[in-house]
Amino acid sequence: MRILLLSLYYPPLNTIAALRIKAFEKYLTEFGFTVDVITRYYDSEQQKGQSMFLGNQSAKDFKEDYFKINNVIYTNFDENNEKLDFSNKLPAIVKGLYNYLNIDVFHYGWIKYALNAFDNELSHNKYDFVIASYGPPVSMLLANKLFKKYKIPFLIDFRDSYINEKDVSFHLTMKQKVLNAMLKRSSGLIFSTEGMKDYFLLKTSQNLQRIPSCIVYNGVEELSQNGDIEEKKITEFWKIHSKHDLILLHAGTLYPGQNVSFFINSTSKFNTENNKNVGIIFLGLSENRMNEIEPLPFIHFLPKSNYSTSLFLQKEADALILPIWNGRYTGFSGKTQEYLYSGNFIITSPNPQNDLKLFLDISPNVRISNDYDSFSKFLDDIISGNCTKLQLNNKEKLYRFFWVKRLAEFLRKLKTNE
């Protein structure tokens, strides 16, 4: 079977989305598939990941339409495109309607380059399926265009939900109509969590609910050696650690709605009441989120690291903090499985979602903080040495290999049932 992956995010970009698609490419190939990828090029500054919106920005040093390295095509991208330019000239209420109907004006500048690259380099291949990684919506739009022109069946990989909790009334109706139009020809759906699938089924039409689906969690890449660990960041970590009784670590992105204030306020109170100096390190936080956190003496920031360094620091911290989304359909952040894989203590903020609690059962080292008192007691236990790290249960469910194997089985079944 031959598969084409479509994603705006792919290595050398070092994001959860990029690593997810790389895992699809790597392991589907190992399972006997032939896999090609169309993505976009990012310059060195973009690869540093200082903005959550880097997918909207053109690379400054790339003038070609695309280039191909083995089975991967890296294309150009126009942050200013004709649809976005036209949208910006419209009155607000008309602008919103126009943007919905055109699916994704913010990333539309990728379409022409991706289609041109496919026409020139890949159109002679016979693909069994296209897998388009959402978000942003432009990937679904591109999959539809390839289907209309070349009749290639496509699947959508939902890393996030197209409809969110804030969508009501007009917004909800429009999103449901747009999603229905984009998915009505889809051969299958992939979800990154159980909660994602449940929420999709709750918000979509009966026709879309009947589309075959599978769940493919992000998973972790098991590392056999640590040759690419960034020693300067490790040194800085231990320098910060030496100034504190205990270090709590948060790795990766913080999203709106995640209850990080629980950890900041609780740590501040714990330090004051117990005359302690517990510190929090945020690893790889984007600049806009750093600016939202109050500058307190026990809070520190380390720049974004490579994959190996992040995994190493997650093991070396005294405990990891996992902020829960308030009222969200799923509690999974991109780092959840990495946290579990570390074998370290994990402290959650209150009220984790059901699909997250089931996954947290893999580790007996997880502590769900229902309030400040339970948080405080756990810190006391760590400092006094009254708690011990225990072995994980069902550790295989943390690996990318495990989940992409599920995807391979799903694809073969879809092909058989065509």
Protein backbone atom coordinates (compact mmCIF):
# COMPACT_ATOMS: atom_id res chain seq x y z
CA MET A 1 0.00 0.00 0.00
CA ARG A 2 1.13 3.54 -0.73
CA ILE A 3 0.23 6.45 1.58
CA LEU A 4 0.63 10.22 1.18
CA LEU A 5 0.87 12.29 4.37
CA LEU A 6 -0.13 15.97 4.29
CA SER A 7 0.95 18.19 7.17
CA LEU A 8 2.12 21.75 7.74
CA TYR A 9 4.28 20.35 10.56
CA TYR A 10 7.12 17.89 10.06
CA PRO A 11 10.78 17.62 11.19
CA PRO A 12 13.17 19.34 11.43
CA LEU A 13 10.39 21.31 13.13
CA ASN A 14 10.40 20.06 16.73
CA THR A 15 6.74 20.06 17.75
CA ILE A 16 4.32 17.35 18.89
CA ALA A 17 2.46 17.66 15.58
CA ALA A 18 5.67 17.26 13.56
CA LEU A 19 6.84 14.26 15.58
CA ARG A 20 3.43 12.61 15.25
CA ILE A 21 3.55 12.72 11.45
CA LYS A 22 7.18 11.61 11.45
CA ALA A 23 6.12 8.57 13.49
CA PHE A 24 3.41 7.79 10.94
CA GLU A 25 6.00 7.96 8.17
CA LYS A 26 8.63 5.93 10.03
CA TYR A 27 6.52 3.08 11.35
CA LEU A 28 4.12 2.70 8.44
CA THR A 29 7.25 2.22 6.34
CA GLU A 30 8.47 -0.43 8.79
CA PHE A 31 5.08 -2.17 8.51
CA GLY A 32 5.49 -2.51 4.74
CA PHE A 33 3.81 0.65 3.43
CA THR A 34 5.37 3.05 0.92
CA VAL A 35 5.00 6.54 2.38
CA ASP A 36 5.47 10.01 0.89
CA VAL A 37 5.10 13.34 2.68
CA ILE A 38 4.18 16.86 1.59
CA THR A 39 4.94 19.49 4.20
CA ARG A 40 6.33 23.03 4.19
CA TYR A 41 9.73 24.55 4.78
CA TYR A 42 10.58 26.47 7.96
CA ASP A 43 13.67 28.62 8.36
CA SER A 44 16.06 28.37 11.32
CA GLU A 45 14.27 31.05 13.36
CA GLN A 46 10.91 29.34 12.90
CA GLN A 47 12.41 26.02 13.93
CA LYS A 48 13.30 27.52 17.30
CA GLY A 49 9.55 27.55 17.96
CA GLN A 50 9.26 30.93 19.66
CA SER A 51 5.72 31.47 18.38
CA MET A 52 2.61 29.30 18.63
CA PHE A 53 1.58 30.74 15.24
CA LEU A 54 4.68 29.84 13.23
CA GLY A 55 2.49 27.94 10.74
CA ASN A 56 1.10 31.32 9.58
CA GLN A 57 4.51 32.78 8.74
CA SER A 58 6.49 32.59 5.52
CA ALA A 59 10.08 31.40 5.68
CA LYS A 60 12.38 34.38 5.11
CA ASP A 61 15.17 32.54 3.30
CA PHE A 62 13.24 30.26 0.92
CA LYS A 63 12.52 31.36 -2.65
CA GLU A 64 11.87 28.05 -4.44
CA ASP A 65 8.44 26.53 -4.95
CA TYR A 66 9.60 23.30 -3.28
CA PHE A 67 12.43 20.81 -2.95
CA LYS A 68 12.37 17.05 -2.46
CA ILE A 69 14.57 14.97 -0.15
CA ASN A 70 13.98 11.25 -0.67
CA ASN A 71 10.27 10.74 0.06
CA VAL A 72 9.59 14.15 1.63
CA ILE A 73 8.66 17.34 -0.24
CA TYR A 74 9.19 20.69 1.51
CA THR A 75 7.20 23.51 -0.11
CA ASN A 76 7.11 27.27 0.07
CA PHE A 77 4.31 29.11 1.90
CA ASP A 78 2.76 32.57 1.44
CA GLU A 79 1.58 34.18 4.66
CA ASN A 80 -0.06 36.83 2.46
CA ASN A 81 -2.38 35.23 -0.10
CA GLU A 82 -5.24 36.45 -2.24
CA LYS A 83 -7.98 35.06 0.01
CA LEU A 84 -6.49 36.53 3.18
CA ASP A 85 -5.91 39.90 1.46
CA PHE A 86 -9.53 39.97 0.29
CA SER A 87 -10.78 38.90 3.75
CA ASN A 88 -8.96 41.78 5.43
CA LYS A 89 -10.86 44.29 3.27
CA LEU A 90 -14.29 43.03 4.33
CA PRO A 91 -16.53 44.35 7.15
CA ALA A 92 -16.28 42.24 10.31
CA ILE A 93 -19.56 40.30 10.02
CA VAL A 94 -19.04 39.55 6.31
CA LYS A 95 -15.39 38.73 6.93
CA GLY A 96 -16.27 35.99 9.42
CA LEU A 97 -18.70 34.37 6.99
CA TYR A 98 -16.18 34.59 4.14
CA ASN A 99 -13.46 32.99 6.28
CA TYR A 100 -15.72 30.10 7.27
CA LEU A 101 -16.82 29.42 3.70
CA ASN A 102 -13.22 29.47 2.45
CA ILE A 103 -12.14 27.03 5.18
CA ASP A 104 -8.70 28.47 5.99
CA VAL A 105 -7.68 31.85 4.60
CA PHE A 106 -4.75 32.06 7.02
CA HIS A 107 -2.94 29.05 5.54
CA TYR A 108 -4.32 29.13 2.01
CA GLY A 109 -0.88 30.19 0.77
CA TRP A 110 0.25 26.56 1.09
CA ILE A 111 -2.29 25.13 -1.39
CA LYS A 112 -0.74 26.25 -4.67
CA TYR A 113 2.75 25.05 -3.72
CA ALA A 114 1.55 21.69 -2.40
CA LEU A 115 -0.59 21.00 -5.47
CA ASN A 116 2.22 22.04 -7.80
CA ALA A 117 4.66 19.74 -6.01
CA PHE A 118 2.21 16.83 -6.17
CA ASP A 119 1.52 17.40 -9.87
CA ASN A 120 5.23 17.51 -10.73
CA GLU A 121 6.64 14.87 -8.41
CA LEU A 122 3.98 12.43 -7.23
CA SER A 123 1.00 12.38 -9.59
CA HIS A 124 2.37 9.32 -11.40
CA ASN A 125 2.11 7.25 -8.18
CA LYS A 126 -0.96 5.22 -7.29
CA TYR A 127 -1.90 6.10 -3.71
CA ASP A 128 -4.24 3.96 -1.66
CA PHE A 129 -4.90 6.77 0.83
CA VAL A 130 -4.01 10.34 1.66
CA ILE A 131 -3.80 11.11 5.39
CA ALA A 132 -4.23 14.82 6.16
CA SER A 133 -3.19 16.11 9.58
CA TYR A 134 -5.62 18.57 11.19
CA GLY A 135 -5.07 21.34 12.19
CA PRO A 136 -5.02 23.64 10.49
CA PRO A 137 -8.03 23.12 8.18
CA VAL A 138 -5.95 23.73 5.05
CA SER A 139 -4.81 20.09 5.23
CA MET A 140 -8.42 18.90 4.91
CA LEU A 141 -8.97 21.33 2.05
CA LEU A 142 -5.88 20.01 0.26
CA ALA A 143 -7.01 16.39 0.72
CA ASN A 144 -10.36 17.27 -0.85
CA LYS A 145 -8.68 18.94 -3.82
CA LEU A 146 -6.52 15.87 -4.43
CA PHE A 147 -9.60 13.67 -4.17
CA LYS A 148 -11.50 15.75 -6.73
CA LYS A 149 -8.60 15.89 -9.18
CA TYR A 150 -7.06 12.43 -8.74
CA LYS A 151 -9.78 10.42 -6.94
CA ILE A 152 -7.40 9.46 -4.10
CA PRO A 153 -9.33 8.31 -0.98
CA PHE A 154 -8.42 10.34 2.10
CA LEU A 155 -8.47 10.15 5.88
CA ILE A 156 -8.30 13.03 8.34
CA ASP A 157 -6.06 12.75 11.39
CA PHE A 158 -7.59 14.88 14.15
CA ARG A 159 -4.86 16.05 16.52
CA ASP A 160 -7.37 18.62 17.68
CA SER A 161 -11.11 19.16 17.36
CA TYR A 162 -12.49 21.36 14.58
CA ILE A 163 -15.36 22.26 16.90
CA ASN A 164 -14.55 23.47 20.41
CA GLU A 165 -16.49 24.15 23.60
CA LYS A 166 -16.89 27.86 22.86
CA ASP A 167 -18.65 27.27 19.54
CA VAL A 168 -22.37 28.02 19.89
CA SER A 169 -25.16 29.36 17.74
CA PHE A 170 -23.91 30.73 14.38
CA HIS A 171 -20.31 29.59 14.93
CA LEU A 172 -21.36 26.05 15.79
CA THR A 173 -23.77 25.83 12.85
CA MET A 174 -21.19 27.13 10.38
CA LYS A 175 -18.46 24.84 11.65
CA GLN A 176 -20.75 21.82 11.47
CA LYS A 177 -21.67 22.67 7.86
CA VAL A 178 -18.05 23.22 6.84
CA LEU A 179 -16.89 20.03 8.56
CA ASN A 180 -19.67 18.05 6.91
CA ALA A 181 -18.68 19.40 3.48
CA MET A 182 -15.01 18.54 4.00
CA LEU A 183 -15.54 15.06 5.47
CA LYS A 184 -18.47 13.71 3.49
CA ARG A 185 -16.08 11.99 1.04
CA SER A 186 -13.64 10.86 3.72
CA SER A 187 -12.80 7.14 3.91
CA GLY A 188 -11.79 7.24 7.55
CA LEU A 189 -11.03 9.33 10.64
CA ILE A 190 -8.12 9.15 13.06
CA PHE A 191 -8.31 10.64 16.56
CA SER A 192 -5.43 11.34 18.93
CA THR A 193 -7.41 10.53 22.10
CA GLU A 194 -10.55 8.72 23.19
CA GLY A 195 -11.97 12.01 24.43
CA MET A 196 -11.39 13.58 21.01
CA LYS A 197 -13.43 10.85 19.35
CA ASP A 198 -16.26 11.07 21.91
CA TYR A 199 -16.50 14.83 21.44
CA PHE A 200 -16.51 14.50 17.65
CA LEU A 201 -19.38 12.01 17.78
CA LEU A 202 -21.28 14.35 20.09
CA LYS A 203 -20.98 17.38 17.80
CA THR A 204 -21.29 15.97 14.28
CA SER A 205 -24.01 14.60 12.02
CA GLN A 206 -25.10 10.96 11.87
CA ASN A 207 -23.54 10.66 8.41
CA LEU A 208 -20.11 11.61 9.74
CA GLN A 209 -20.55 9.39 12.78
CA ARG A 210 -20.77 6.40 10.45
CA ILE A 211 -17.31 7.01 8.96
CA PRO A 212 -14.84 4.29 10.11
CA SER A 213 -12.41 5.55 12.73
CA CYS A 214 -9.50 4.59 14.94
CA ILE A 215 -7.59 6.11 17.83
CA VAL A 216 -3.85 6.73 17.52
CA TYR A 217 -2.30 8.36 20.57
CA ASN A 218 0.89 10.35 20.01
CA GLY A 219 3.14 8.01 21.95
CA VAL A 220 6.82 8.28 22.85
CA GLU A 221 9.94 7.37 20.92
CA GLU A 222 12.11 5.12 23.08
CA LEU A 223 15.70 6.34 22.93
CA SER A 224 18.57 3.86 22.99
CA GLN A 225 21.23 6.50 23.58
CA ASN A 226 21.47 10.13 24.64
CA GLY A 227 24.07 11.39 22.19
CA ASP A 228 22.09 14.45 21.15
CA ILE A 229 21.38 15.78 24.66
CA GLU A 230 22.04 19.53 24.94
CA GLU A 231 24.57 19.75 27.77
CA LYS A 232 24.21 23.52 28.26
CA LYS A 233 20.53 23.13 29.09
CA ILE A 234 21.26 20.26 31.47
CA THR A 235 23.88 22.42 33.22
CA GLU A 236 21.43 25.31 33.50
CA PHE A 237 18.78 22.96 34.89
CA TRP A 238 21.09 21.77 37.69
CA LYS A 239 22.18 25.35 38.39
CA ILE A 240 18.55 26.29 39.00
CA HIS A 241 17.91 23.07 40.93
CA SER A 242 20.76 23.82 43.34
CA LYS A 243 18.94 26.93 44.54
CA HIS A 244 15.76 25.08 45.51
CA ASP A 245 14.63 22.33 47.88
CA LEU A 246 12.63 20.73 45.07
CA ILE A 247 12.04 21.34 41.37
CA LEU A 248 8.71 20.88 39.63
CA LEU A 249 8.95 20.77 35.84
CA HIS A 250 6.47 21.60 33.11
CA ALA A 251 7.61 20.68 29.59
CA GLY A 252 6.13 21.99 26.36
CA THR A 253 3.28 24.30 25.47
CA LEU A 254 0.70 25.76 27.83
CA TYR A 255 -2.69 26.17 26.20
CA PRO A 256 -5.48 28.58 27.17
CA GLY A 257 -7.72 26.95 29.75
CA GLN A 258 -5.03 24.78 31.34
CA ASN A 259 -5.03 25.34 35.09
CA VAL A 260 -1.38 26.28 35.61
CA SER A 261 -2.35 28.93 38.17
CA PHE A 262 -3.17 26.08 40.59
CA PHE A 263 0.51 25.08 40.68
CA ILE A 264 1.85 28.63 40.86
CA ASN A 265 -0.49 29.68 43.67
CA SER A 266 -0.12 26.41 45.58
CA THR A 267 3.69 26.46 45.35
CA SER A 268 3.79 30.05 46.56
CA LYS A 269 1.56 29.18 49.52
CA PHE A 270 3.56 26.03 50.32
CA ASN A 271 6.85 27.94 50.35
CA THR A 272 5.45 30.65 52.63
CA GLU A 273 3.72 28.32 55.10
CA ASN A 274 6.59 25.81 55.37
CA ASN A 275 9.60 28.10 54.94
CA LYS A 276 10.61 26.07 51.88
CA ASN A 277 11.96 26.98 48.48
CA VAL A 278 10.23 24.80 45.90
CA GLY A 279 10.84 25.99 42.33
CA ILE A 280 8.97 25.56 39.05
CA ILE A 281 10.76 25.31 35.70
CA PHE A 282 8.85 25.81 32.46
CA LEU A 283 10.73 24.11 29.63
CA GLY A 284 10.12 25.30 26.07
CA LEU A 285 7.34 27.78 26.79
CA SER A 286 6.59 30.22 23.96
CA GLU A 287 7.34 33.88 24.63
CA ASN A 288 3.69 34.95 24.60
CA ARG A 289 2.86 32.42 27.35
CA MET A 290 5.94 33.36 29.40
CA ASN A 291 4.73 36.96 29.41
CA GLU A 292 1.39 35.82 30.86
CA ILE A 293 3.02 34.25 33.94
CA GLU A 294 3.69 36.52 36.90
CA PRO A 295 7.47 36.92 37.46
CA LEU A 296 8.01 35.27 40.85
CA PRO A 297 11.40 34.29 42.35
CA PHE A 298 10.63 30.55 42.33
CA ILE A 299 9.61 30.46 38.65
CA HIS A 300 12.22 29.82 35.93
CA PHE A 301 12.19 29.32 32.17
CA LEU A 302 14.41 27.16 30.00
CA PRO A 303 14.32 27.50 26.20
CA LYS A 304 12.86 24.86 23.95
CA SER A 305 15.03 21.75 23.78
CA ASN A 306 15.36 18.81 21.44
CA TYR A 307 13.45 15.60 22.09
CA SER A 308 16.21 13.75 23.94
CA THR A 309 16.95 16.67 26.26
CA SER A 310 13.29 17.11 27.12
CA LEU A 311 12.89 13.42 28.00
CA PHE A 312 16.08 13.53 30.07
CA LEU A 313 14.93 16.55 32.09
CA GLN A 314 11.51 15.00 32.66
CA LYS A 315 13.30 12.13 34.41
CA GLU A 316 15.65 14.37 36.40
CA ALA A 317 13.08 16.75 37.86
CA ASP A 318 11.72 15.95 41.32
CA ALA A 319 8.18 15.88 39.93
CA LEU A 320 6.27 16.88 36.80
CA ILE A 321 3.22 19.12 36.84
CA LEU A 322 0.28 18.41 34.53
CA PRO A 323 -2.23 21.29 34.32
CA ILE A 324 -5.77 20.12 33.53
CA TRP A 325 -8.01 21.89 31.03
CA ASN A 326 -11.05 23.36 32.73
CA GLY A 327 -14.16 21.77 31.24
CA ARG A 328 -12.47 20.43 28.11
CA TYR A 329 -13.57 17.16 26.51
CA THR A 330 -10.10 15.62 26.90
CA GLY A 331 -7.29 16.23 29.34
CA PHE A 332 -4.45 15.19 27.06
CA SER A 333 -1.68 17.65 26.39
CA GLY A 334 1.13 16.78 24.01
CA LYS A 335 3.44 15.81 26.86
CA THR A 336 1.11 13.45 28.74
CA GLN A 337 2.63 10.23 27.45
CA GLU A 338 6.18 11.56 27.75
CA TYR A 339 5.46 12.38 31.38
CA LEU A 340 4.24 8.84 32.01
CA TYR A 341 7.19 7.33 30.12
CA SER A 342 9.63 9.18 32.40
CA GLY A 343 8.52 7.07 35.38
CA ASN A 344 8.69 10.25 37.44
CA PHE A 345 6.13 11.57 39.91
CA ILE A 346 3.32 13.44 38.15
CA ILE A 347 1.09 15.95 39.95
CA THR A 348 -2.13 17.02 38.24
CA SER A 349 -4.29 20.01 38.99
CA PRO A 350 -7.90 19.23 40.06
CA ASN A 351 -10.60 17.44 38.04
CA PRO A 352 -8.86 15.47 35.27
CA GLN A 353 -11.14 14.20 32.50
CA ASN A 354 -12.16 10.55 32.41
CA ASP A 355 -10.11 9.60 29.34
CA LEU A 356 -7.02 11.09 30.97
CA LYS A 357 -7.61 9.31 34.30
CA LEU A 358 -7.78 5.96 32.49
CA PHE A 359 -4.45 6.65 30.81
CA LEU A 360 -2.87 7.85 34.04
CA ASP A 361 -3.52 4.38 35.45
CA ILE A 362 -0.39 3.32 33.54
CA SER A 363 1.68 5.02 36.24
CA PRO A 364 1.31 4.41 39.99
CA ASN A 365 3.42 7.57 40.45
CA VAL A 366 0.58 9.93 39.49
CA ARG A 367 -0.97 12.07 42.19
CA ILE A 368 -4.24 13.87 41.42
CA SER A 369 -4.39 17.06 43.46
CA ASN A 370 -7.99 17.74 44.40
CA ASP A 371 -7.00 20.85 46.37
CA TYR A 372 -4.07 22.65 47.97
CA ASP A 373 -3.94 20.26 50.95
CA SER A 374 -3.37 17.18 48.76
CA PHE A 375 -0.77 19.09 46.72
CA SER A 376 1.01 20.20 49.91
CA LYS A 377 1.04 16.68 51.38
CA PHE A 378 2.62 15.24 48.26
CA LEU A 379 5.40 17.85 48.26
CA ASP A 380 6.03 17.03 51.94
CA ASP A 381 6.26 13.33 51.08
CA ILE A 382 8.78 13.94 48.28
CA ILE A 383 10.97 16.23 50.40
CA SER A 384 10.94 13.81 53.33
CA GLY A 385 11.52 10.76 51.09
CA ASN A 386 8.26 9.10 52.13
CA CYS A 387 7.22 8.13 48.61
CA THR A 388 8.86 5.73 46.18
CA LYS A 389 8.66 5.56 42.40
CA LEU A 390 7.01 2.34 41.24
CA GLN A 391 7.16 0.49 37.92
CA LEU A 392 4.71 1.36 35.17
CA ASN A 393 1.78 -0.79 34.05
CA ASN A 394 1.14 -1.58 30.36
CA LYS A 395 4.12 0.50 29.33
CA GLU A 396 3.77 -0.57 25.68
CA LYS A 397 0.78 1.78 25.36
CA LEU A 398 3.17 4.71 25.68
CA TYR A 399 5.12 3.94 22.50
CA ARG A 400 4.51 5.40 19.06
CA PHE A 401 5.26 2.03 17.55
CA PHE A 402 2.28 0.51 19.39
CA TRP A 403 -0.21 3.09 18.13
CA VAL A 404 1.01 3.35 14.54
CA LYS A 405 0.72 -0.44 14.34
CA ARG A 406 -2.97 0.06 15.19
CA LEU A 407 -3.14 2.60 12.37
CA ALA A 408 -1.53 0.17 9.92
CA GLU A 409 -4.13 -2.48 10.81
CA PHE A 410 -6.91 0.07 10.36
CA LEU A 411 -5.62 1.12 6.91
CA ARG A 412 -5.38 -2.47 5.72
CA LYS A 413 -8.91 -3.16 6.90
CA LEU A 414 -10.19 -0.05 5.09
CA LYS A 415 -8.46 -1.16 1.90
CA THR A 416 -9.96 -4.65 2.15
CA ASN A 417 -13.45 -3.21 2.63
CA GLU A 418 -13.28 -0.79 -0.30
